[in-house]
Amino acid sequence: YWARYEDPRTRVGEPAVDRPADIAERVAGLP
């Protein structure tokens, strides 16, 4: 289950469920 955040209080979009490999490009370079 995952989501991206611009900062600790600001989520980008809705939470999702995916296989990690399928979202690798979307989360690349982020802590």
PDB file of all heavy atoms in Angstrom:
ATOM      1  N   TYR A   1       0.879  -1.154   0.000  1.00  0.00           N
ATOM      2  CA  TYR A   1       0.000   0.000   0.000  1.00  0.00           C
ATOM      3  C   TYR A   1       0.925   1.214   0.000  1.00  0.00           C
ATOM      4  O   TYR A   1       1.862   1.285   0.806  1.00  0.00           O
ATOM      5  CB  TYR A   1      -0.866   0.026   1.255  1.00  0.00           C
ATOM      6  CG  TYR A   1      -1.834  -1.124   1.376  1.00  0.00           C
ATOM      7  CD1 TYR A   1      -1.736  -2.023   2.429  1.00  0.00           C
ATOM      8  CD2 TYR A   1      -2.858  -1.303   0.450  1.00  0.00           C
ATOM      9  CE1 TYR A   1      -2.630  -3.076   2.559  1.00  0.00           C
ATOM     10  CE2 TYR A   1      -3.754  -2.352   0.569  1.00  0.00           C
ATOM     11  CZ  TYR A   1      -3.639  -3.236   1.621  1.00  0.00           C
ATOM     12  OH  TYR A   1      -4.522  -4.274   1.736  1.00  0.00           O
ATOM     13  N   TRP A   2       0.659   2.167  -0.854  1.00  0.00           N
ATOM     14  CA  TRP A   2       1.622   3.267  -0.965  1.00  0.00           C
ATOM     15  C   TRP A   2       0.961   4.569  -1.403  1.00  0.00           C
ATOM     16  O   TRP A   2      -0.163   4.580  -1.923  1.00  0.00           O
ATOM     17  CB  TRP A   2       2.736   2.912  -1.946  1.00  0.00           C
ATOM     18  CG  TRP A   2       2.276   2.878  -3.383  1.00  0.00           C
ATOM     19  CD1 TRP A   2       1.523   1.903  -3.983  1.00  0.00           C
ATOM     20  CD2 TRP A   2       2.484   3.889  -4.367  1.00  0.00           C
ATOM     21  NE1 TRP A   2       1.265   2.248  -5.284  1.00  0.00           N
ATOM     22  CE2 TRP A   2       1.843   3.452  -5.556  1.00  0.00           C
ATOM     23  CE3 TRP A   2       3.167   5.112  -4.366  1.00  0.00           C
ATOM     24  CZ2 TRP A   2       1.865   4.201  -6.732  1.00  0.00           C
ATOM     25  CZ3 TRP A   2       3.188   5.865  -5.533  1.00  0.00           C
ATOM     26  CH2 TRP A   2       2.540   5.409  -6.701  1.00  0.00           C
ATOM     27  N   ALA A   3       1.692   5.660  -1.182  1.00  0.00           N
ATOM     28  CA  ALA A   3       1.289   6.976  -1.670  1.00  0.00           C
ATOM     29  C   ALA A   3       2.525   7.864  -1.679  1.00  0.00           C
ATOM     30  O   ALA A   3       3.473   7.647  -0.911  1.00  0.00           O
ATOM     31  CB  ALA A   3       0.208   7.597  -0.791  1.00  0.00           C
ATOM     32  N   ARG A   4       2.499   8.843  -2.565  1.00  0.00           N
ATOM     33  CA  ARG A   4       3.576   9.845  -2.616  1.00  0.00           C
ATOM     34  C   ARG A   4       3.144  11.091  -1.857  1.00  0.00           C
ATOM     35  O   ARG A   4       1.955  11.438  -1.822  1.00  0.00           O
ATOM     36  CB  ARG A   4       3.908  10.211  -4.062  1.00  0.00           C
ATOM     37  CG  ARG A   4       4.732   9.161  -4.782  1.00  0.00           C
ATOM     38  CD  ARG A   4       5.137   9.638  -6.167  1.00  0.00           C
ATOM     39  NE  ARG A   4       5.794  10.941  -6.121  1.00  0.00           N
ATOM     40  CZ  ARG A   4       6.408  11.504  -7.157  1.00  0.00           C
ATOM     41  NH1 ARG A   4       6.450  10.872  -8.323  1.00  0.00           N
ATOM     42  NH2 ARG A   4       6.986  12.685  -7.056  1.00  0.00           N
ATOM     43  N   TYR A   5       4.127  11.780  -1.272  1.00  0.00           N
ATOM     44  CA  TYR A   5       3.871  12.993  -0.495  1.00  0.00           C
ATOM     45  C   TYR A   5       4.808  14.109  -0.942  1.00  0.00           C
ATOM     46  O   TYR A   5       5.999  13.876  -1.167  1.00  0.00           O
ATOM     47  CB  TYR A   5       4.082  12.720   1.005  1.00  0.00           C
ATOM     48  CG  TYR A   5       3.005  11.836   1.582  1.00  0.00           C
ATOM     49  CD1 TYR A   5       3.022  10.463   1.376  1.00  0.00           C
ATOM     50  CD2 TYR A   5       1.938  12.377   2.287  1.00  0.00           C
ATOM     51  CE1 TYR A   5       2.007   9.644   1.870  1.00  0.00           C
ATOM     52  CE2 TYR A   5       0.921  11.571   2.793  1.00  0.00           C
ATOM     53  CZ  TYR A   5       0.973  10.207   2.575  1.00  0.00           C
ATOM     54  OH  TYR A   5      -0.044   9.404   3.056  1.00  0.00           O
ATOM     55  N   GLU A   6       4.250  15.309  -1.064  1.00  0.00           N
ATOM     56  CA  GLU A   6       5.076  16.483  -1.347  1.00  0.00           C
ATOM     57  C   GLU A   6       5.796  16.940  -0.085  1.00  0.00           C
ATOM     58  O   GLU A   6       6.902  17.449  -0.133  1.00  0.00           O
ATOM     59  CB  GLU A   6       4.203  17.620  -1.892  1.00  0.00           C
ATOM     60  CG  GLU A   6       3.802  17.445  -3.347  1.00  0.00           C
ATOM     61  CD  GLU A   6       5.001  17.402  -4.277  1.00  0.00           C
ATOM     62  OE1 GLU A   6       5.981  18.135  -4.027  1.00  0.00           O
ATOM     63  OE2 GLU A   6       4.959  16.629  -5.251  1.00  0.00           O
ATOM     64  N   ASP A   7       5.138  16.743   1.046  1.00  0.00           N
ATOM     65  CA  ASP A   7       5.707  17.052   2.354  1.00  0.00           C
ATOM     66  C   ASP A   7       4.924  16.238   3.371  1.00  0.00           C
ATOM     67  O   ASP A   7       3.960  15.559   3.007  1.00  0.00           O
ATOM     68  CB  ASP A   7       5.648  18.562   2.657  1.00  0.00           C
ATOM     69  CG  ASP A   7       4.240  19.120   2.629  1.00  0.00           C
ATOM     70  OD1 ASP A   7       3.393  18.649   3.421  1.00  0.00           O
ATOM     71  OD2 ASP A   7       3.963  20.016   1.813  1.00  0.00           O
ATOM     72  N   PRO A   8       5.290  16.262   4.650  1.00  0.00           N
ATOM     73  CA  PRO A   8       4.633  15.392   5.626  1.00  0.00           C
ATOM     74  C   PRO A   8       3.131  15.589   5.793  1.00  0.00           C
ATOM     75  O   PRO A   8       2.461  14.726   6.378  1.00  0.00           O
ATOM     76  CB  PRO A   8       5.380  15.720   6.927  1.00  0.00           C
ATOM     77  CG  PRO A   8       6.743  16.134   6.474  1.00  0.00           C
ATOM     78  CD  PRO A   8       6.491  16.912   5.228  1.00  0.00           C
ATOM     79  N   ARG A   9       2.587  16.685   5.298  1.00  0.00           N
ATOM     80  CA  ARG A   9       1.156  16.945   5.444  1.00  0.00           C
ATOM     81  C   ARG A   9       0.401  16.927   4.112  1.00  0.00           C
ATOM     82  O   ARG A   9      -0.809  17.115   4.099  1.00  0.00           O
ATOM     83  CB  ARG A   9       0.930  18.298   6.128  1.00  0.00           C
ATOM     84  CG  ARG A   9       1.433  18.363   7.560  1.00  0.00           C
ATOM     85  CD  ARG A   9       1.326  19.789   8.095  1.00  0.00           C
ATOM     86  NE  ARG A   9       1.736  19.880   9.481  1.00  0.00           N
ATOM     87  CZ  ARG A   9       3.004  19.952   9.876  1.00  0.00           C
ATOM     88  NH1 ARG A   9       3.982  19.918   8.976  1.00  0.00           N
ATOM     89  NH2 ARG A   9       3.302  20.034  11.170  1.00  0.00           N
ATOM     90  N   THR A  10       1.101  16.717   3.014  1.00  0.00           N
ATOM     91  CA  THR A  10       0.476  16.850   1.695  1.00  0.00           C
ATOM     92  C   THR A  10       0.670  15.593   0.865  1.00  0.00           C
ATOM     93  O   THR A  10       1.757  15.335   0.338  1.00  0.00           O
ATOM     94  CB  THR A  10       1.046  18.059   0.928  1.00  0.00           C
ATOM     95  OG1 THR A  10       1.005  19.224   1.748  1.00  0.00           O
ATOM     96  CG2 THR A  10       0.248  18.298  -0.355  1.00  0.00           C
ATOM     97  N   ARG A  11      -0.409  14.800   0.762  1.00  0.00           N
ATOM     98  CA  ARG A  11      -0.374  13.590  -0.069  1.00  0.00           C
ATOM     99  C   ARG A  11      -0.706  13.937  -1.505  1.00  0.00           C
ATOM    100  O   ARG A  11      -1.567  14.766  -1.785  1.00  0.00           O
ATOM    101  CB  ARG A  11      -1.359  12.563   0.486  1.00  0.00           C
ATOM    102  CG  ARG A  11      -1.481  11.328  -0.364  1.00  0.00           C
ATOM    103  CD  ARG A  11      -2.094  10.138   0.363  1.00  0.00           C
ATOM    104  NE  ARG A  11      -3.070  10.461   1.372  1.00  0.00           N
ATOM    105  CZ  ARG A  11      -4.374  10.587   1.154  1.00  0.00           C
ATOM    106  NH1 ARG A  11      -4.856  10.446  -0.066  1.00  0.00           N
ATOM    107  NH2 ARG A  11      -5.205  10.850   2.152  1.00  0.00           N
ATOM    108  N   VAL A  12      -0.036  13.254  -2.448  1.00  0.00           N
ATOM    109  CA  VAL A  12      -0.279  13.435  -3.874  1.00  0.00           C
ATOM    110  C   VAL A  12      -1.183  12.306  -4.351  1.00  0.00           C
ATOM    111  O   VAL A  12      -0.759  11.160  -4.478  1.00  0.00           O
ATOM    112  CB  VAL A  12       1.039  13.422  -4.671  1.00  0.00           C
ATOM    113  CG1 VAL A  12       0.758  13.611  -6.166  1.00  0.00           C
ATOM    114  CG2 VAL A  12       1.988  14.496  -4.160  1.00  0.00           C
ATOM    115  N   GLY A  13      -2.448  12.591  -4.596  1.00  0.00           N
ATOM    116  CA  GLY A  13      -3.371  11.569  -5.069  1.00  0.00           C
ATOM    117  C   GLY A  13      -3.857  10.658  -3.954  1.00  0.00           C
ATOM    118  O   GLY A  13      -3.640  10.905  -2.759  1.00  0.00           O
ATOM    119  N   GLU A  14      -4.502   9.574  -4.369  1.00  0.00           N
ATOM    120  CA  GLU A  14      -5.081   8.633  -3.425  1.00  0.00           C
ATOM    121  C   GLU A  14      -4.142   7.459  -3.160  1.00  0.00           C
ATOM    122  O   GLU A  14      -3.312   7.116  -4.010  1.00  0.00           O
ATOM    123  CB  GLU A  14      -6.414   8.100  -3.967  1.00  0.00           C
ATOM    124  CG  GLU A  14      -7.490   9.167  -4.126  1.00  0.00           C
ATOM    125  CD  GLU A  14      -7.821   9.830  -2.810  1.00  0.00           C
ATOM    126  OE1 GLU A  14      -7.927   9.124  -1.792  1.00  0.00           O
ATOM    127  OE2 GLU A  14      -7.970  11.072  -2.796  1.00  0.00           O
ATOM    128  N   PRO A  15      -4.255   6.813  -1.996  1.00  0.00           N
ATOM    129  CA  PRO A  15      -3.450   5.613  -1.732  1.00  0.00           C
ATOM    130  C   PRO A  15      -3.766   4.528  -2.765  1.00  0.00           C
ATOM    131  O   PRO A  15      -4.872   4.464  -3.304  1.00  0.00           O
ATOM    132  CB  PRO A  15      -3.896   5.184  -0.332  1.00  0.00           C
ATOM    133  CG  PRO A  15      -4.470   6.418   0.281  1.00  0.00           C
ATOM    134  CD  PRO A  15      -5.104   7.171  -0.844  1.00  0.00           C
ATOM    135  N   ALA A  16      -2.787   3.671  -3.017  1.00  0.00           N
ATOM    136  CA  ALA A  16      -2.962   2.608  -4.010  1.00  0.00           C
ATOM    137  C   ALA A  16      -2.316   1.337  -3.495  1.00  0.00           C
ATOM    138  O   ALA A  16      -1.551   1.344  -2.520  1.00  0.00           O
ATOM    139  CB  ALA A  16      -2.341   3.017  -5.345  1.00  0.00           C
ATOM    140  N   VAL A  17      -2.614   0.223  -4.152  1.00  0.00           N
ATOM    141  CA  VAL A  17      -1.968  -1.050  -3.851  1.00  0.00           C
ATOM    142  C   VAL A  17      -1.393  -1.586  -5.151  1.00  0.00           C
ATOM    143  O   VAL A  17      -2.095  -1.677  -6.159  1.00  0.00           O
ATOM    144  CB  VAL A  17      -2.942  -2.052  -3.193  1.00  0.00           C
ATOM    145  CG1 VAL A  17      -4.156  -2.316  -4.070  1.00  0.00           C
ATOM    146  CG2 VAL A  17      -2.226  -3.354  -2.852  1.00  0.00           C
ATOM    147  N   ASP A  18      -0.099  -1.917  -5.135  1.00  0.00           N
ATOM    148  CA  ASP A  18       0.591  -2.367  -6.345  1.00  0.00           C
ATOM    149  C   ASP A  18       1.754  -3.268  -5.978  1.00  0.00           C
ATOM    150  O   ASP A  18       2.248  -3.256  -4.837  1.00  0.00           O
ATOM    151  CB  ASP A  18       1.136  -1.173  -7.138  1.00  0.00           C
ATOM    152  CG  ASP A  18       0.058  -0.340  -7.796  1.00  0.00           C
ATOM    153  OD1 ASP A  18      -0.536  -0.822  -8.777  1.00  0.00           O
ATOM    154  OD2 ASP A  18      -0.175   0.799  -7.331  1.00  0.00           O
ATOM    155  N   ARG A  19       2.221  -4.004  -6.979  1.00  0.00           N
ATOM    156  CA  ARG A  19       3.488  -4.705  -6.832  1.00  0.00           C
ATOM    157  C   ARG A  19       4.611  -3.675  -6.908  1.00  0.00           C
ATOM    158  O   ARG A  19       4.568  -2.767  -7.757  1.00  0.00           O
ATOM    159  CB  ARG A  19       3.661  -5.750  -7.931  1.00  0.00           C
ATOM    160  CG  ARG A  19       2.742  -6.954  -7.770  1.00  0.00           C
ATOM    161  CD  ARG A  19       3.008  -8.001  -8.837  1.00  0.00           C
ATOM    162  NE  ARG A  19       2.161  -9.175  -8.635  1.00  0.00           N
ATOM    163  CZ  ARG A  19       2.487 -10.197  -7.851  1.00  0.00           C
ATOM    164  NH1 ARG A  19       3.650 -10.188  -7.226  1.00  0.00           N
ATOM    165  NH2 ARG A  19       1.668 -11.214  -7.697  1.00  0.00           N
ATOM    166  N   PRO A  20       5.613  -3.786  -6.048  1.00  0.00           N
ATOM    167  CA  PRO A  20       6.675  -2.774  -6.031  1.00  0.00           C
ATOM    168  C   PRO A  20       7.324  -2.543  -7.393  1.00  0.00           C
ATOM    169  O   PRO A  20       7.581  -1.397  -7.770  1.00  0.00           O
ATOM    170  CB  PRO A  20       7.672  -3.351  -5.017  1.00  0.00           C
ATOM    171  CG  PRO A  20       6.822  -4.140  -4.090  1.00  0.00           C
ATOM    172  CD  PRO A  20       5.768  -4.763  -4.955  1.00  0.00           C
ATOM    173  N   ALA A  21       7.575  -3.616  -8.136  1.00  0.00           N
ATOM    174  CA  ALA A  21       8.229  -3.456  -9.435  1.00  0.00           C
ATOM    175  C   ALA A  21       7.412  -2.602 -10.390  1.00  0.00           C
ATOM    176  O   ALA A  21       7.959  -1.908 -11.252  1.00  0.00           O
ATOM    177  CB  ALA A  21       8.495  -4.822 -10.054  1.00  0.00           C
ATOM    178  N   ASP A  22       6.082  -2.617 -10.219  1.00  0.00           N
ATOM    179  CA  ASP A  22       5.205  -1.871 -11.126  1.00  0.00           C
ATOM    180  C   ASP A  22       5.221  -0.369 -10.867  1.00  0.00           C
ATOM    181  O   ASP A  22       4.748   0.414 -11.706  1.00  0.00           O
ATOM    182  CB  ASP A  22       3.770  -2.391 -11.021  1.00  0.00           C
ATOM    183  CG  ASP A  22       3.629  -3.816 -11.534  1.00  0.00           C
ATOM    184  OD1 ASP A  22       4.513  -4.267 -12.297  1.00  0.00           O
ATOM    185  OD2 ASP A  22       2.634  -4.483 -11.170  1.00  0.00           O
ATOM    186  N   ILE A  23       5.725   0.045  -9.709  1.00  0.00           N
ATOM    187  CA  ILE A  23       5.750   1.475  -9.390  1.00  0.00           C
ATOM    188  C   ILE A  23       7.178   2.006  -9.267  1.00  0.00           C
ATOM    189  O   ILE A  23       7.377   3.145  -8.846  1.00  0.00           O
ATOM    190  CB  ILE A  23       4.978   1.768  -8.086  1.00  0.00           C
ATOM    191  CG1 ILE A  23       5.618   1.038  -6.894  1.00  0.00           C
ATOM    192  CG2 ILE A  23       3.508   1.384  -8.230  1.00  0.00           C
ATOM    193  CD1 ILE A  23       5.035   1.451  -5.545  1.00  0.00           C
ATOM    194  N   ALA A  24       8.148   1.183  -9.657  1.00  0.00           N
ATOM    195  CA  ALA A  24       9.552   1.544  -9.462  1.00  0.00           C
ATOM    196  C   ALA A  24       9.892   2.895 -10.097  1.00  0.00           C
ATOM    197  O   ALA A  24      10.583   3.726  -9.488  1.00  0.00           O
ATOM    198  CB  ALA A  24      10.453   0.444 -10.023  1.00  0.00           C
ATOM    199  N   GLU A  25       9.416   3.133 -11.317  1.00  0.00           N
ATOM    200  CA  GLU A  25       9.735   4.392 -11.986  1.00  0.00           C
ATOM    201  C   GLU A  25       9.066   5.578 -11.297  1.00  0.00           C
ATOM    202  O   GLU A  25       9.621   6.680 -11.272  1.00  0.00           O
ATOM    203  CB  GLU A  25       9.306   4.329 -13.445  1.00  0.00           C
ATOM    204  CG  GLU A  25      10.110   3.347 -14.287  1.00  0.00           C
ATOM    205  CD  GLU A  25       9.734   3.419 -15.747  1.00  0.00           C
ATOM    206  OE1 GLU A  25       8.895   4.284 -16.108  1.00  0.00           O
ATOM    207  OE2 GLU A  25      10.265   2.612 -16.540  1.00  0.00           O
ATOM    208  N   ARG A  26       7.912   5.363 -10.722  1.00  0.00           N
ATOM    209  CA  ARG A  26       7.154   6.462 -10.108  1.00  0.00           C
ATOM    210  C   ARG A  26       7.732   6.882  -8.757  1.00  0.00           C
ATOM    211  O   ARG A  26       7.474   7.995  -8.299  1.00  0.00           O
ATOM    212  CB  ARG A  26       5.691   6.059  -9.962  1.00  0.00           C
ATOM    213  CG  ARG A  26       5.038   5.758 -11.298  1.00  0.00           C
ATOM    214  CD  ARG A  26       3.711   5.050 -11.156  1.00  0.00           C
ATOM    215  NE  ARG A  26       2.682   5.883 -10.554  1.00  0.00           N
ATOM    216  CZ  ARG A  26       1.456   5.483 -10.294  1.00  0.00           C
ATOM    217  NH1 ARG A  26       1.095   4.227 -10.571  1.00  0.00           N
ATOM    218  NH2 ARG A  26       0.588   6.297  -9.743  1.00  0.00           N
ATOM    219  N   VAL A  27       8.468   5.998  -8.115  1.00  0.00           N
ATOM    220  CA  VAL A  27       9.043   6.328  -6.805  1.00  0.00           C
ATOM    221  C   VAL A  27      10.567   6.450  -6.859  1.00  0.00           C
ATOM    222  O   VAL A  27      11.209   6.660  -5.825  1.00  0.00           O
ATOM    223  CB  VAL A  27       8.633   5.281  -5.743  1.00  0.00           C
ATOM    224  CG1 VAL A  27       7.126   5.198  -5.630  1.00  0.00           C
ATOM    225  CG2 VAL A  27       9.228   3.903  -6.065  1.00  0.00           C
ATOM    226  N   ALA A  28      11.135   6.320  -8.044  1.00  0.00           N
ATOM    227  CA  ALA A  28      12.599   6.356  -8.186  1.00  0.00           C
ATOM    228  C   ALA A  28      13.173   7.668  -7.668  1.00  0.00           C
ATOM    229  O   ALA A  28      12.644   8.745  -7.925  1.00  0.00           O
ATOM    230  CB  ALA A  28      12.976   6.163  -9.644  1.00  0.00           C
ATOM    231  N   GLY A  29      14.247   7.546  -6.908  1.00  0.00           N
ATOM    232  CA  GLY A  29      14.948   8.713  -6.408  1.00  0.00           C
ATOM    233  C   GLY A  29      14.366   9.329  -5.161  1.00  0.00           C
ATOM    234  O   GLY A  29      14.921  10.309  -4.640  1.00  0.00           O
ATOM    235  N   LEU A  30      13.271   8.765  -4.653  1.00  0.00           N
ATOM    236  CA  LEU A  30      12.636   9.330  -3.476  1.00  0.00           C
ATOM    237  C   LEU A  30      12.965   8.508  -2.230  1.00  0.00           C
ATOM    238  O   LEU A  30      12.955   7.277  -2.285  1.00  0.00           O
ATOM    239  CB  LEU A  30      11.117   9.354  -3.643  1.00  0.00           C
ATOM    240  CG  LEU A  30      10.539  10.210  -4.769  1.00  0.00           C
ATOM    241  CD1 LEU A  30       9.031  10.054  -4.817  1.00  0.00           C
ATOM    242  CD2 LEU A  30      10.922  11.671  -4.587  1.00  0.00           C
ATOM    243  N   PRO A  31      13.209   9.154  -1.106  1.00  0.00           N
ATOM    244  CA  PRO A  31      13.274   8.395   0.152  1.00  0.00           C
ATOM    245  C   PRO A  31      11.903   7.804   0.452  1.00  0.00           C
ATOM    246  O   PRO A  31      10.885   8.295  -0.044  1.00  0.00           O
ATOM    247  CB  PRO A  31      13.677   9.437   1.192  1.00  0.00           C
ATOM    248  CG  PRO A  31      13.272  10.746   0.604  1.00  0.00           C
ATOM    249  CD  PRO A  31      13.400  10.599  -0.882  1.00  0.00           C
TER     250      PRO A  31
END
